[in-house]
Amino acid sequence: MLRVSKVIDISAKLTNERPKLKLAEDKVYEIDDRKNTIIKMNQKLKNANLDDIEVIDEIIVLLLGRKAAKEINEMDLSISNYHNIMIAIMAAVTGEEYETAENHFREQTGI
């Protein structure tokens, strides 16, 4: 008996479209959610303290780019707002709703 191999077509599920983060009407940033970028992010987060603004800045540069990081820095936001940005970025890269990512963040950091 001749066996025909089965083809599972997921081509319609694959996209190069990136999630976006909107901070204001004119502040919309594309998030780099590619595998290698997320691996780098995970390495940075492994033993990081998310109260350390330098770590948050590094993650923002990595995932949003230097231009976006500069614009966000110029907004002169509170650390609480930076936490919200990190939560939104994590929600986008994991495909979760913001509230779900926020709960995970609060559980992991105790913040």
Protein backbone atom coordinates (compact mmCIF):
# COMPACT_ATOMS: atom_id res chain seq x y z
CA MET A 1 0.00 0.00 0.00
CA LEU A 2 1.35 3.40 -1.02
CA ARG A 3 1.27 5.94 1.73
CA VAL A 4 0.75 9.60 0.94
CA SER A 5 2.33 12.01 3.37
CA LYS A 6 0.00 14.45 5.01
CA VAL A 7 0.65 18.17 4.60
CA ILE A 8 -0.40 20.49 7.38
CA ASP A 9 -0.55 23.98 5.97
CA ILE A 10 -0.03 26.73 8.52
CA SER A 11 1.11 29.35 6.01
CA ALA A 12 -1.98 31.47 6.70
CA LYS A 13 -1.09 31.53 10.42
CA LEU A 14 2.43 32.86 9.87
CA THR A 15 2.93 36.58 9.53
CA ASN A 16 5.71 39.12 9.65
CA GLU A 17 3.35 41.67 11.14
CA ARG A 18 4.65 42.98 14.44
CA PRO A 19 2.55 44.02 17.44
CA LYS A 20 2.49 47.72 18.23
CA LEU A 21 2.57 49.72 21.44
CA LYS A 22 0.59 52.97 21.57
CA LEU A 23 1.57 55.45 24.27
CA ALA A 24 -0.15 58.54 22.83
CA GLU A 25 -1.92 59.60 19.64
CA ASP A 26 1.38 60.25 17.90
CA LYS A 27 3.47 57.68 19.80
CA VAL A 28 2.97 54.22 18.26
CA TYR A 29 5.92 51.83 18.24
CA GLU A 30 6.44 48.49 16.54
CA ILE A 31 7.58 45.77 18.95
CA ASP A 32 10.29 43.41 17.76
CA ASP A 33 8.85 40.05 18.82
CA ARG A 34 11.17 37.89 16.72
CA LYS A 35 12.56 34.76 18.36
CA ASN A 36 16.19 35.89 18.61
CA THR A 37 15.17 39.24 20.10
CA ILE A 38 13.03 37.51 22.72
CA ILE A 39 15.91 35.17 23.57
CA LYS A 40 18.11 38.24 24.19
CA MET A 41 15.35 39.81 26.29
CA ASN A 42 14.96 36.67 28.37
CA GLN A 43 18.72 36.60 29.02
CA LYS A 44 18.57 40.21 30.25
CA LEU A 45 15.54 39.49 32.44
CA LYS A 46 16.87 36.26 33.94
CA ASN A 47 18.33 37.85 37.08
CA ALA A 48 17.20 41.41 36.53
CA ASN A 49 15.47 43.71 38.95
CA LEU A 50 12.62 45.46 37.14
CA ASP A 51 12.96 48.39 39.54
CA ASP A 52 16.34 48.99 37.89
CA ILE A 53 15.56 51.58 35.24
CA GLU A 54 18.71 50.62 33.29
CA VAL A 55 17.29 47.13 32.73
CA ILE A 56 13.97 48.58 31.61
CA ASP A 57 15.79 50.98 29.27
CA GLU A 58 17.81 48.09 27.78
CA ILE A 59 14.63 46.07 27.16
CA ILE A 60 12.91 49.06 25.55
CA VAL A 61 15.90 49.64 23.25
CA LEU A 62 15.99 45.95 22.35
CA LEU A 63 12.28 45.60 21.59
CA LEU A 64 11.28 49.07 20.41
CA GLY A 65 14.54 50.49 19.08
CA ARG A 66 16.80 53.39 20.04
CA LYS A 67 14.58 56.10 18.54
CA ALA A 68 11.54 54.92 20.50
CA ALA A 69 13.59 54.57 23.69
CA LYS A 70 14.84 58.15 23.27
CA GLU A 71 11.31 59.47 22.69
CA ILE A 72 9.97 57.57 25.71
CA ASN A 73 12.84 58.84 27.86
CA GLU A 74 12.02 62.40 26.78
CA MET A 75 8.45 61.89 28.05
CA ASP A 76 9.96 61.94 31.59
CA LEU A 77 7.64 59.20 32.89
CA SER A 78 7.44 57.77 36.41
CA ILE A 79 8.79 54.30 37.23
CA SER A 80 5.18 53.17 37.57
CA ASN A 81 4.56 54.20 33.96
CA TYR A 82 7.68 52.34 32.87
CA HIS A 83 6.29 49.24 34.59
CA ASN A 84 3.08 49.70 32.58
CA ILE A 85 5.13 49.94 29.38
CA MET A 86 6.99 46.73 30.27
CA ILE A 87 3.72 44.94 31.01
CA ALA A 88 2.27 46.08 27.67
CA ILE A 89 5.40 44.91 25.83
CA MET A 90 5.25 41.52 27.56
CA ALA A 91 1.56 41.20 26.71
CA ALA A 92 2.32 41.95 23.07
CA VAL A 93 5.19 39.48 22.72
CA THR A 94 3.30 36.67 24.46
CA GLY A 95 -0.04 37.37 22.78
CA GLU A 96 -1.75 37.82 26.15
CA GLU A 97 -4.24 40.44 27.20
CA TYR A 98 -2.74 43.34 29.15
CA GLU A 99 -4.53 42.35 32.37
CA THR A 100 -3.19 38.79 32.22
CA ALA A 101 0.37 40.04 31.69
CA GLU A 102 -0.14 42.54 34.51
CA ASN A 103 -1.15 39.74 36.89
CA HIS A 104 1.94 37.71 35.91
CA PHE A 105 4.15 40.77 36.39
CA ARG A 106 2.71 41.50 39.83
CA GLU A 107 3.08 37.85 40.90
CA GLN A 108 6.71 37.67 39.74
CA THR A 109 7.86 41.03 41.04
CA GLY A 110 5.64 41.62 44.03
CA ILE A 111 5.09 45.17 42.72
